Amino acid sequence: MKHPVDVHVGKRVRHRRWMVGMTQQQLGEAVGIKFQQIQKYETGMNRVSASRLWDIATALDVDVRFFFEGIEEGVTDSAPEEAAPASGKKMQGDLLADKEALELVRSYYAIPENQRRKLFDLARVLSDVA
């Protein structure tokens, strides 16, 4: 049975890898493992050791703490893998599971900062109107 923490960490690995435009093959090569192992990490099928997580964080240019952001504090060994957060809301990682949302975020960060700020302000105005 997959542990919810392993699933969460795997999702965060996949999201970060996708955000930086890296394939599973490229990440595997960067950390010295086969892409199939990256697949297993990303699905939560296999646990990521501390040293391997450190290597992955380095390859993805992110702090190790990134992989634990948004995780529920009440997760226990007996928690079912499909358990919803106590608040009933989607966790941040669930939003980023949507490929369209990931493409939007990726495109957003490709925009020069001054233009990105204007787009952000426009989106806030439009969302207040809707």
C-alpha atoms as a PDB file:
ATOM      1  CA  MET A   1       0.000   0.000   0.000  1.00  0.00           C
ATOM      2  CA  LYS A   2       1.327   3.424  -0.943  1.00  0.00           C
ATOM      3  CA  HIS A   3       1.958   5.805   1.930  1.00  0.00           C
ATOM      4  CA  PRO A   4       0.330   9.257   1.468  1.00  0.00           C
ATOM      5  CA  VAL A   5       3.644  11.013   2.133  1.00  0.00           C
ATOM      6  CA  ASP A   6       5.379   9.011  -0.608  1.00  0.00           C
ATOM      7  CA  VAL A   7       2.554   9.859  -3.025  1.00  0.00           C
ATOM      8  CA  HIS A   8       2.750  13.566  -2.112  1.00  0.00           C
ATOM      9  CA  VAL A   9       6.531  13.720  -2.498  1.00  0.00           C
ATOM     10  CA  GLY A  10       6.267  11.887  -5.827  1.00  0.00           C
ATOM     11  CA  LYS A  11       3.680  14.353  -7.125  1.00  0.00           C
ATOM     12  CA  ARG A  12       5.896  17.244  -6.123  1.00  0.00           C
ATOM     13  CA  VAL A  13       8.866  15.659  -7.915  1.00  0.00           C
ATOM     14  CA  ARG A  14       6.777  15.235 -11.074  1.00  0.00           C
ATOM     15  CA  HIS A  15       5.418  18.792 -10.916  1.00  0.00           C
ATOM     16  CA  ARG A  16       8.815  20.360 -10.392  1.00  0.00           C
ATOM     17  CA  ARG A  17      10.368  18.224 -13.135  1.00  0.00           C
ATOM     18  CA  TRP A  18       7.622  19.255 -15.515  1.00  0.00           C
ATOM     19  CA  MET A  19       7.912  22.932 -14.541  1.00  0.00           C
ATOM     20  CA  VAL A  20      11.606  23.014 -15.391  1.00  0.00           C
ATOM     21  CA  GLY A  21      10.961  21.144 -18.651  1.00  0.00           C
ATOM     22  CA  MET A  22      12.925  18.029 -17.765  1.00  0.00           C
ATOM     23  CA  THR A  23      12.040  14.509 -18.876  1.00  0.00           C
ATOM     24  CA  GLN A  24      12.128  11.480 -16.592  1.00  0.00           C
ATOM     25  CA  GLN A  25      15.114  10.283 -18.626  1.00  0.00           C
ATOM     26  CA  GLN A  26      17.000  13.545 -18.054  1.00  0.00           C
ATOM     27  CA  LEU A  27      16.258  13.560 -14.325  1.00  0.00           C
ATOM     28  CA  GLY A  28      17.304   9.926 -14.032  1.00  0.00           C
ATOM     29  CA  GLU A  29      20.595  10.662 -15.772  1.00  0.00           C
ATOM     30  CA  ALA A  30      21.178  13.698 -13.547  1.00  0.00           C
ATOM     31  CA  VAL A  31      20.836  11.611 -10.376  1.00  0.00           C
ATOM     32  CA  GLY A  32      22.385   8.406 -11.736  1.00  0.00           C
ATOM     33  CA  ILE A  33      19.335   6.134 -11.974  1.00  0.00           C
ATOM     34  CA  LYS A  34      17.043   4.764 -14.697  1.00  0.00           C
ATOM     35  CA  PHE A  35      13.947   6.682 -15.745  1.00  0.00           C
ATOM     36  CA  GLN A  36      11.787   3.750 -14.598  1.00  0.00           C
ATOM     37  CA  GLN A  37      12.873   4.467 -11.029  1.00  0.00           C
ATOM     38  CA  ILE A  38      11.829   8.105 -11.454  1.00  0.00           C
ATOM     39  CA  GLN A  39       8.416   6.815 -12.596  1.00  0.00           C
ATOM     40  CA  LYS A  40       8.125   4.719  -9.442  1.00  0.00           C
ATOM     41  CA  TYR A  41       9.079   7.683  -7.253  1.00  0.00           C
ATOM     42  CA  GLU A  42       6.587   9.956  -8.988  1.00  0.00           C
ATOM     43  CA  THR A  43       3.698   7.549  -8.454  1.00  0.00           C
ATOM     44  CA  GLY A  44       4.637   6.902  -4.841  1.00  0.00           C
ATOM     45  CA  MET A  45       5.174   3.220  -5.639  1.00  0.00           C
ATOM     46  CA  ASN A  46       8.727   3.440  -4.286  1.00  0.00           C
ATOM     47  CA  ARG A  47       9.934   5.609  -1.441  1.00  0.00           C
ATOM     48  CA  VAL A  48      12.650   8.140  -2.103  1.00  0.00           C
ATOM     49  CA  SER A  49      15.582   7.884   0.293  1.00  0.00           C
ATOM     50  CA  ALA A  50      16.862  11.063   1.927  1.00  0.00           C
ATOM     51  CA  SER A  51      20.081  11.069  -0.099  1.00  0.00           C
ATOM     52  CA  ARG A  52      18.219  10.430  -3.366  1.00  0.00           C
ATOM     53  CA  LEU A  53      15.731  13.212  -2.548  1.00  0.00           C
ATOM     54  CA  TRP A  54      18.700  15.505  -1.960  1.00  0.00           C
ATOM     55  CA  ASP A  55      20.097  14.567  -5.397  1.00  0.00           C
ATOM     56  CA  ILE A  56      16.705  15.117  -7.038  1.00  0.00           C
ATOM     57  CA  ALA A  57      16.321  18.500  -5.339  1.00  0.00           C
ATOM     58  CA  THR A  58      19.765  19.514  -6.584  1.00  0.00           C
ATOM     59  CA  ALA A  59      18.979  18.373 -10.132  1.00  0.00           C
ATOM     60  CA  LEU A  60      15.665  20.254 -10.089  1.00  0.00           C
ATOM     61  CA  ASP A  61      17.243  23.338  -8.481  1.00  0.00           C
ATOM     62  CA  VAL A  62      14.891  23.417  -5.510  1.00  0.00           C
ATOM     63  CA  ASP A  63      15.206  23.135  -1.736  1.00  0.00           C
ATOM     64  CA  VAL A  64      14.388  19.684  -0.317  1.00  0.00           C
ATOM     65  CA  ARG A  65      11.594  21.259   1.735  1.00  0.00           C
ATOM     66  CA  PHE A  66       9.752  21.951  -1.526  1.00  0.00           C
ATOM     67  CA  PHE A  67       8.717  18.310  -1.759  1.00  0.00           C
ATOM     68  CA  PHE A  68       6.872  18.488   1.554  1.00  0.00           C
ATOM     69  CA  GLU A  69       5.032  21.771   1.009  1.00  0.00           C
ATOM     70  CA  GLY A  70       1.264  21.468   1.211  1.00  0.00           C
ATOM     71  CA  ILE A  71       1.284  18.139   2.989  1.00  0.00           C
ATOM     72  CA  GLU A  72      -1.293  17.609   5.707  1.00  0.00           C
ATOM     73  CA  GLU A  73       0.161  17.615   9.213  1.00  0.00           C
ATOM     74  CA  GLY A  74      -2.145  14.811  10.335  1.00  0.00           C
ATOM     75  CA  VAL A  75      -0.860  12.172   7.902  1.00  0.00           C
ATOM     76  CA  THR A  76      -0.205   8.869   9.657  1.00  0.00           C
ATOM     77  CA  ASP A  77       0.939   5.424   8.558  1.00  0.00           C
ATOM     78  CA  SER A  78      -2.662   4.237   8.651  1.00  0.00           C
ATOM     79  CA  ALA A  79      -4.021   7.080   6.497  1.00  0.00           C
ATOM     80  CA  PRO A  80      -5.583   5.820   3.287  1.00  0.00           C
ATOM     81  CA  GLU A  81      -3.780   6.949   0.145  1.00  0.00           C
ATOM     82  CA  GLU A  82      -6.896   8.527  -1.312  1.00  0.00           C
ATOM     83  CA  ALA A  83      -7.832  10.402   1.857  1.00  0.00           C
ATOM     84  CA  ALA A  84      -9.035  13.934   1.264  1.00  0.00           C
ATOM     85  CA  PRO A  85      -7.521  16.775   3.263  1.00  0.00           C
ATOM     86  CA  ALA A  86      -9.376  17.532   6.481  1.00  0.00           C
ATOM     87  CA  SER A  87     -10.507  20.880   5.088  1.00  0.00           C
ATOM     88  CA  GLY A  88     -12.244  19.157   2.193  1.00  0.00           C
ATOM     89  CA  LYS A  89     -10.332  21.374  -0.257  1.00  0.00           C
ATOM     90  CA  LYS A  90      -7.958  20.175  -2.936  1.00  0.00           C
ATOM     91  CA  MET A  91      -4.326  20.212  -1.961  1.00  0.00           C
ATOM     92  CA  GLN A  92      -2.028  22.395  -4.065  1.00  0.00           C
ATOM     93  CA  GLY A  93      -0.511  19.334  -5.708  1.00  0.00           C
ATOM     94  CA  ASP A  94      -3.949  18.260  -6.940  1.00  0.00           C
ATOM     95  CA  LEU A  95      -4.404  21.530  -8.824  1.00  0.00           C
ATOM     96  CA  LEU A  96      -1.070  21.040 -10.522  1.00  0.00           C
ATOM     97  CA  ALA A  97      -2.108  17.535 -11.593  1.00  0.00           C
ATOM     98  CA  ASP A  98      -4.149  19.274 -14.296  1.00  0.00           C
ATOM     99  CA  LYS A  99      -1.923  19.524 -17.372  1.00  0.00           C
ATOM    100  CA  GLU A 100      -3.653  22.710 -18.534  1.00  0.00           C
ATOM    101  CA  ALA A 101      -2.939  24.398 -15.197  1.00  0.00           C
ATOM    102  CA  LEU A 102       0.703  23.343 -15.399  1.00  0.00           C
ATOM    103  CA  GLU A 103       1.008  24.702 -18.933  1.00  0.00           C
ATOM    104  CA  LEU A 104      -0.546  27.975 -17.790  1.00  0.00           C
ATOM    105  CA  VAL A 105       1.908  28.333 -14.901  1.00  0.00           C
ATOM    106  CA  ARG A 106       4.839  27.419 -17.089  1.00  0.00           C
ATOM    107  CA  SER A 107       3.816  29.939 -19.746  1.00  0.00           C
ATOM    108  CA  TYR A 108       3.220  32.587 -17.099  1.00  0.00           C
ATOM    109  CA  TYR A 109       6.763  32.305 -15.801  1.00  0.00           C
ATOM    110  CA  ALA A 110       8.143  32.493 -19.339  1.00  0.00           C
ATOM    111  CA  ILE A 111       6.763  36.041 -19.639  1.00  0.00           C
ATOM    112  CA  PRO A 112       9.185  38.865 -18.726  1.00  0.00           C
ATOM    113  CA  GLU A 113       8.662  40.015 -15.137  1.00  0.00           C
ATOM    114  CA  ASN A 114       7.271  43.498 -15.863  1.00  0.00           C
ATOM    115  CA  GLN A 115       4.706  42.099 -18.311  1.00  0.00           C
ATOM    116  CA  ARG A 116       3.968  39.195 -15.979  1.00  0.00           C
ATOM    117  CA  ARG A 117       3.052  41.632 -13.213  1.00  0.00           C
ATOM    118  CA  LYS A 118       0.597  43.428 -15.517  1.00  0.00           C
ATOM    119  CA  LEU A 119      -0.946  40.109 -16.546  1.00  0.00           C
ATOM    120  CA  PHE A 120      -1.259  39.127 -12.896  1.00  0.00           C
ATOM    121  CA  ASP A 121      -3.036  42.397 -12.098  1.00  0.00           C
ATOM    122  CA  LEU A 122      -5.388  41.877 -15.053  1.00  0.00           C
ATOM    123  CA  ALA A 123      -6.204  38.335 -13.908  1.00  0.00           C
ATOM    124  CA  ARG A 124      -7.015  39.585 -10.404  1.00  0.00           C
ATOM    125  CA  VAL A 125      -9.358  42.225 -11.811  1.00  0.00           C
ATOM    126  CA  LEU A 126     -11.073  39.710 -14.084  1.00  0.00           C
ATOM    127  CA  SER A 127     -11.493  37.186 -11.272  1.00  0.00           C
ATOM    128  CA  ASP A 128     -13.076  39.854  -9.044  1.00  0.00           C
ATOM    129  CA  VAL A 129     -15.576  40.680 -11.801  1.00  0.00           C
ATOM    130  CA  ALA A 130     -16.594  37.074 -12.485  1.00  0.00           C
END
